[in-house]
C-alpha cells in the first residue's frame, strides 16, 4: 500500500496484532478445553509470537505488513473456530474482514489484472470463512458487499491514476512541441539572420563603413531578440504558467520584414491587416517568418 500514510498503516497493523496477542494469551491462560489439547496451546503461542514479530516489522515496513497481518489474523480466527472455541462476541473476526478488504482494494489498485484477481478471490474466500461463524448466508453476502465496495474504490483510484498519467503525458508532449516550435520559429530565425548579416558584413563591410555599421546594428538587434526568446524559454521551463512566446500577429509583420531588410534582403510587402482574421494571424506570421528564414539560408538574389 505505497500510498497509504505510514502512520495509518502502522497503527492499523499494530492494533490488530496486539489484539491477537492478547486474545491468544487469554485462550492459553484460561486453559481452553479443546479436542487438540496441548497442540492448541502451542499453536496459539506460536501465533502470538508471530504477531509480536510482525508488530516490530510493521513500524519499518507498514505497506506489505498489512497484507501479512490480514493473512495471519485470519489464520488465527480460523484456528479458533476449528478448535471449537466460541467467542463471546460476534464481532470476533471483523478486524480480519477490514484488513482483507483494505488489502484487496490496494491489490485492485496496484497489481496486474491476474494478480489483482487472485488477491481479490483469496480475500473473498477469507471473508467467507469469517462469515460462516454467523451461520447466516446473509452475513456472508453483506461481508462480500463490503469487499466489493473496497475493490471498487481500488479500481476507481486505479483508473484515476491512469487518467492522470495520460494527461501528464499529453501535457509533456505539448510542452516539448511548444519548445521545439519556439526554438525553430523564433531562435533559429534570429540566429540565421545574425549569420547572414555577419557574412554580408565580412564580404562588403571593409569597403563601405556605413553598410558595416548598419549590419552590426542589425546583428545587435537580432542578438537581443534571440536573448529575449531564450529568456522566455527558460522562464517557461521554470514556471508552468509562463507562455513560451507572445502571440504574434499581422501587425508584427512590419518589424519582421524590416529586420529582413536590414539583413540585406530585398522584400516587397503589401499588408492589409483587415483581410486576416485574428484566429489565423499567428499562422500567417509564422509562415512569413519561415519563408524569410529559408530565403536567408538557401536563396541567392531572391526578393
Protein backbone atom coordinates (compact mmCIF):
# COMPACT_ATOMS: atom_id res chain seq x y z
CA UNK A 1 0.00 0.00 0.00
CA UNK A 2 2.53 2.54 -1.19
CA UNK A 3 0.15 5.48 -0.93
CA UNK A 4 -1.37 4.68 2.44
CA UNK A 5 0.16 7.07 5.02
CA UNK A 6 2.87 5.36 7.05
CA UNK A 7 1.25 6.28 10.37
CA UNK A 8 -2.15 4.87 9.34
CA UNK A 9 -0.74 1.55 8.13
CA UNK A 10 1.50 1.21 11.19
CA UNK A 11 -1.25 1.96 13.71
CA UNK A 12 -3.77 -0.29 11.93
CA UNK A 13 -1.39 -3.23 11.75
CA UNK A 14 -0.08 -2.80 15.30
CA UNK A 15 -3.54 -2.51 16.90
CA UNK A 16 -4.81 -5.67 15.21
CA UNK A 17 -1.63 -7.59 16.06
CA UNK A 18 -1.72 -6.54 19.71
CA UNK A 19 -5.37 -7.58 19.87
CA UNK A 20 -4.46 -11.01 18.52
CA UNK A 21 -1.60 -11.39 21.02
CA UNK A 22 -3.93 -10.54 23.91
CA UNK A 23 -6.58 -12.91 22.57
CA UNK A 24 -4.17 -15.81 22.23
CA UNK A 25 -2.83 -15.12 25.72
CA UNK A 26 -6.33 -15.25 27.16
CA UNK A 27 -7.03 -18.55 25.39
CA UNK A 28 -3.86 -20.12 26.79
CA UNK A 29 -4.11 -18.72 30.33
CA UNK A 30 -7.78 -19.69 30.74
CA UNK A 31 -6.91 -23.28 29.81
CA UNK A 32 -9.43 -23.58 27.00
CA UNK A 33 -10.54 -27.17 26.62
CA UNK A 34 -10.38 -28.35 23.04
CA UNK A 35 -10.00 -31.58 21.18
CA UNK A 36 -6.48 -30.52 20.18
CA UNK A 37 -5.27 -30.33 23.78
CA UNK A 38 -1.67 -29.13 24.19
CA UNK A 39 -1.22 -28.67 20.44
CA UNK A 40 -3.73 -25.88 20.55
CA UNK A 41 -1.73 -24.04 23.23
CA UNK A 42 1.46 -24.42 21.23
CA UNK A 43 -0.25 -23.12 18.09
CA UNK A 44 -1.76 -20.20 19.98
CA UNK A 45 1.59 -19.25 21.50
CA UNK A 46 3.24 -19.54 18.08
CA UNK A 47 0.64 -17.27 16.53
CA UNK A 48 1.15 -14.77 19.34
CA UNK A 49 4.89 -14.81 18.71
CA UNK A 50 4.36 -14.18 15.00
CA UNK A 51 2.11 -11.24 15.81
CA UNK A 52 4.74 -9.72 18.12
CA UNK A 53 7.39 -10.05 15.39
CA UNK A 54 5.11 -8.51 12.77
CA UNK A 55 4.32 -5.61 15.10
CA UNK A 56 8.00 -4.66 15.10
CA UNK A 57 8.31 -5.13 11.34
CA UNK A 58 5.20 -3.00 10.73
CA UNK A 59 6.96 0.04 12.17
CA UNK A 60 9.60 -0.01 9.41
CA UNK A 61 7.63 -1.59 6.56
CA UNK A 62 3.92 -0.81 7.04
CA UNK A 63 2.85 -1.43 3.43
CA UNK A 64 3.45 -5.20 2.95
CA UNK A 65 2.80 -5.96 6.61
CA UNK A 66 -0.88 -5.05 6.18
CA UNK A 67 -1.20 -7.98 3.78
CA UNK A 68 0.61 -10.33 6.15
CA UNK A 69 -1.43 -9.15 9.11
CA UNK A 70 -4.62 -9.87 7.22
CA UNK A 71 -3.45 -13.40 6.42
CA UNK A 72 -2.11 -14.16 9.91
CA UNK A 73 -5.07 -12.73 11.77
CA UNK A 74 -7.46 -14.64 9.51
CA UNK A 75 -5.46 -17.77 10.24
CA UNK A 76 -5.85 -17.16 13.95
CA UNK A 77 -9.58 -16.78 13.55
CA UNK A 78 -9.76 -19.99 11.53
CA UNK A 79 -7.72 -21.82 14.18
CA UNK A 80 -10.00 -20.66 16.95
CA UNK A 81 -13.14 -21.66 15.06
CA UNK A 82 -11.76 -25.04 14.01
CA UNK A 83 -10.85 -25.93 17.58
CA UNK A 84 -14.41 -25.35 18.64
CA UNK A 85 -13.92 -22.22 20.69
CA UNK A 86 -16.92 -19.92 20.56
CA UNK A 87 -16.06 -16.26 21.16
CA UNK A 88 -18.39 -14.37 23.43
CA UNK A 89 -18.93 -11.65 20.83
CA UNK A 90 -19.97 -11.83 17.22
CA UNK A 91 -17.52 -9.03 16.42
CA UNK A 92 -14.77 -11.62 16.50
CA UNK A 93 -13.24 -11.80 13.00
CA UNK A 94 -14.42 -8.42 11.75
CA UNK A 95 -10.93 -6.95 12.08
CA UNK A 96 -9.78 -9.55 9.56
CA UNK A 97 -12.60 -8.53 7.24
CA UNK A 98 -11.42 -4.92 7.42
CA UNK A 99 -7.80 -5.83 6.71
CA UNK A 100 -8.71 -8.22 3.89
CA UNK A 101 -10.90 -5.52 2.32
CA UNK A 102 -8.04 -2.99 2.55
CA UNK A 103 -5.57 -5.47 1.06
CA UNK A 104 -7.96 -6.39 -1.77
CA UNK A 105 -8.64 -2.72 -2.53
CA UNK A 106 -4.92 -1.99 -2.72
CA UNK A 107 -4.26 -5.00 -4.95
CA UNK A 108 -7.05 -3.90 -7.29
CA UNK A 109 -5.34 -0.51 -7.49
CA UNK A 110 -1.73 -1.60 -8.00
CA UNK A 111 -1.41 -5.16 -9.23
CA UNK A 112 -1.71 -6.54 -12.74
CA UNK A 113 -5.13 -7.99 -13.63
CA UNK A 114 -4.11 -11.61 -12.91
CA UNK A 115 -2.55 -10.76 -9.55
CA UNK A 116 -5.42 -8.49 -8.58
CA UNK A 117 -7.97 -11.18 -9.47
CA UNK A 118 -6.13 -13.80 -7.42
CA UNK A 119 -5.80 -11.45 -4.46
CA UNK A 120 -9.46 -10.47 -4.51
CA UNK A 121 -10.50 -14.12 -4.80
CA UNK A 122 -8.35 -15.03 -1.80
CA UNK A 123 -9.81 -12.15 0.18
CA UNK A 124 -13.34 -13.22 -0.76
CA UNK A 125 -12.61 -16.75 0.45
CA UNK A 126 -11.16 -15.49 3.73
CA UNK A 127 -14.12 -13.21 4.32
CA UNK A 128 -16.50 -16.09 3.59
CA UNK A 129 -14.75 -18.17 6.26
CA UNK A 130 -15.27 -15.37 8.77
CA UNK A 131 -18.89 -15.04 7.70
CA UNK A 132 -19.61 -18.74 8.27
CA UNK A 133 -19.50 -18.30 12.02
CA UNK A 134 -22.58 -16.11 11.84
CA UNK A 135 -24.47 -19.12 10.44
CA UNK A 136 -26.44 -16.93 8.02
CA UNK A 137 -25.93 -16.68 4.28
CA UNK A 138 -27.00 -13.05 4.52
CA UNK A 139 -23.98 -12.37 6.71
CA UNK A 140 -21.59 -13.63 4.03
CA UNK A 141 -23.40 -11.57 1.39
CA UNK A 142 -23.10 -8.42 3.50
CA UNK A 143 -19.39 -9.03 4.07
CA UNK A 144 -18.87 -9.66 0.36
CA UNK A 145 -20.64 -6.37 -0.37
CA UNK A 146 -18.11 -4.67 1.91
CA UNK A 147 -15.35 -6.34 -0.09
CA UNK A 148 -16.96 -5.30 -3.39
CA UNK A 149 -17.12 -1.67 -2.26
CA UNK A 150 -13.46 -1.76 -1.22
CA UNK A 151 -12.38 -3.33 -4.51
CA UNK A 152 -14.47 -0.83 -6.48
CA UNK A 153 -12.73 2.02 -4.70
CA UNK A 154 -9.37 0.49 -5.60
CA UNK A 155 -10.38 0.16 -9.25
CA UNK A 156 -11.65 3.75 -9.35
CA UNK A 157 -8.38 5.01 -7.88
CA UNK A 158 -6.50 2.93 -10.45
CA UNK A 159 -8.49 4.49 -13.31
CA UNK A 160 -8.00 7.97 -11.86
CA UNK A 161 -4.25 7.44 -11.59
CA UNK A 162 -4.11 6.09 -15.13
CA UNK A 163 -6.07 9.07 -16.48
CA UNK A 164 -3.75 11.42 -14.62
CA UNK A 165 -0.72 9.70 -16.14
CA UNK A 166 -2.23 10.02 -19.62
CA UNK A 167 -3.00 13.71 -19.02
CA UNK A 168 0.53 14.34 -17.77
CA UNK A 169 2.00 12.54 -20.78
CA UNK A 170 -0.10 14.62 -23.19
CA UNK A 171 0.93 17.80 -21.36
CA UNK A 172 4.60 16.86 -21.59
CA UNK A 173 4.26 16.18 -25.32
CA UNK A 174 2.58 19.54 -25.87
CA UNK A 175 5.31 21.29 -23.89
CA UNK A 176 8.03 19.59 -25.94
CA UNK A 177 6.30 20.60 -29.18
CA UNK A 178 5.94 24.17 -27.95
CA UNK A 179 9.63 24.32 -27.03
CA UNK A 180 10.64 22.85 -30.39
CA UNK A 181 8.40 25.38 -32.16
CA UNK A 182 9.93 28.26 -30.19
CA UNK A 183 13.45 27.06 -30.99
CA UNK A 184 12.69 26.63 -34.69
CA UNK A 185 10.47 29.62 -35.38
CA UNK A 186 11.97 32.16 -33.01
CA UNK A 187 15.54 31.48 -32.00
CA UNK A 188 16.60 29.75 -35.23
CA UNK A 189 15.14 32.62 -37.26
CA UNK A 190 17.14 35.24 -35.37
CA UNK A 191 20.35 33.18 -35.38
CA UNK A 192 20.05 32.67 -39.13
CA UNK A 193 19.71 36.43 -39.54
CA UNK A 194 22.80 37.02 -37.43
CA UNK A 195 24.85 34.57 -39.51
CA UNK A 196 23.72 36.07 -42.84
CA UNK A 197 24.34 39.63 -41.67
CA UNK A 198 27.77 38.74 -40.34
CA UNK A 199 28.67 37.11 -43.66
CA UNK A 200 27.49 40.17 -45.54
CA UNK A 201 29.49 42.47 -43.27
CA UNK A 202 32.63 40.40 -43.82
CA UNK A 203 32.13 40.48 -47.57
CA UNK A 204 31.42 44.18 -48.05
CA UNK A 205 31.97 45.99 -44.77
CA UNK A 206 35.60 46.89 -45.41
CA UNK A 207 34.72 48.93 -48.48
CA UNK A 208 31.61 50.58 -47.06
CA UNK A 209 31.82 51.66 -43.38
CA UNK A 210 28.21 52.84 -43.37
CA UNK A 211 26.97 49.46 -44.54
CA UNK A 212 29.18 47.76 -41.97
CA UNK A 213 27.65 49.88 -39.23
CA UNK A 214 24.14 49.04 -40.44
CA UNK A 215 24.97 45.32 -40.46
CA UNK A 216 26.41 45.47 -36.95
CA UNK A 217 23.33 47.30 -35.67
CA UNK A 218 21.12 44.67 -37.25
CA UNK A 219 23.22 41.91 -35.68
CA UNK A 220 22.86 43.61 -32.31
CA UNK A 221 19.06 43.78 -32.64
CA UNK A 222 18.83 40.16 -33.78
CA UNK A 223 21.06 39.11 -30.88
CA UNK A 224 18.85 40.99 -28.42
CA UNK A 225 15.75 39.33 -29.89
CA UNK A 226 17.45 35.94 -29.58
CA UNK A 227 18.29 36.59 -25.93
CA UNK A 228 14.68 37.62 -25.28
CA UNK A 229 13.45 34.37 -26.83
CA UNK A 230 15.92 32.39 -24.73
CA UNK A 231 14.75 34.14 -21.57
CA UNK A 232 11.12 33.34 -22.39
CA UNK A 233 12.08 29.73 -22.98
CA UNK A 234 13.95 29.45 -19.68
CA UNK A 235 11.13 31.18 -17.80
CA UNK A 236 8.61 28.80 -19.35
CA UNK A 237 10.67 25.81 -18.22
CA UNK A 238 10.83 27.19 -14.69
CA UNK A 239 7.17 28.18 -14.44
CA UNK A 240 4.20 26.11 -15.59
CA UNK A 241 2.06 29.19 -16.35
CA UNK A 242 4.61 31.25 -18.27
CA UNK A 243 3.98 31.40 -22.05
CA UNK A 244 6.79 30.27 -24.32
CA UNK A 245 6.37 33.30 -26.57
CA UNK A 246 3.91 36.14 -27.10
CA UNK A 247 1.35 35.53 -29.80
CA UNK A 248 2.46 37.42 -32.91
CA UNK A 249 0.00 38.72 -35.48
CA UNK A 250 -0.18 40.57 -38.77
CA UNK A 251 0.66 43.86 -37.05
CA UNK A 252 4.09 42.41 -36.20
CA UNK A 253 4.94 41.64 -39.83
CA UNK A 254 6.35 45.12 -40.42
CA UNK A 255 9.03 44.58 -37.77
CA UNK A 256 9.78 41.13 -39.18
CA UNK A 257 10.15 42.46 -42.72
CA UNK A 258 12.23 45.42 -41.58
CA UNK A 259 14.59 43.04 -39.81
CA UNK A 260 14.98 41.06 -43.04
CA UNK A 261 15.70 44.25 -44.98
CA UNK A 262 18.39 45.23 -42.50
CA UNK A 263 19.95 41.85 -43.17
CA UNK A 264 20.27 42.63 -46.87
CA UNK A 265 17.12 41.06 -48.28
CA UNK A 266 15.02 42.95 -50.79
CA UNK A 267 11.48 42.47 -49.55
CA UNK A 268 8.31 43.93 -51.01
CA UNK A 269 5.18 43.58 -48.92
CA UNK A 270 1.56 44.65 -49.31
CA UNK A 271 -0.06 44.06 -45.93
CA UNK A 272 -3.75 44.58 -45.23
CA UNK A 273 -4.42 43.63 -41.58
CA UNK A 274 -8.17 43.74 -42.17
CA UNK A 275 -8.07 40.74 -44.52
CA UNK A 276 -6.55 38.35 -41.97
CA UNK A 277 -8.73 37.26 -39.05
CA UNK A 278 -7.24 37.12 -35.53
CA UNK A 279 -7.65 33.34 -35.49
CA UNK A 280 -5.22 32.78 -38.36
CA UNK A 281 -2.96 35.81 -37.78
CA UNK A 282 -0.33 33.86 -35.75
CA UNK A 283 -0.13 31.23 -38.50
CA UNK A 284 0.35 33.93 -41.17
CA UNK A 285 3.17 35.43 -39.12
CA UNK A 286 4.87 32.04 -38.72
CA UNK A 287 4.58 31.30 -42.46
CA UNK A 288 6.18 34.61 -43.43
CA UNK A 289 8.85 34.16 -40.77
CA UNK A 290 9.70 30.67 -42.03
CA UNK A 291 9.78 31.91 -45.64
CA UNK A 292 12.23 34.70 -44.80
CA UNK A 293 14.40 32.27 -42.83
CA UNK A 294 14.54 29.85 -45.78
CA UNK A 295 15.43 32.69 -48.16
CA UNK A 296 18.30 33.71 -45.90
CA UNK A 297 19.55 30.15 -45.69
CA UNK A 298 19.15 28.94 -49.26
CA UNK A 299 18.23 31.81 -51.63
CA UNK A 300 20.51 33.86 -53.84
CA UNK A 301 19.36 37.21 -55.14
CA UNK A 302 15.75 36.43 -54.21
CA UNK A 303 13.28 39.22 -53.45
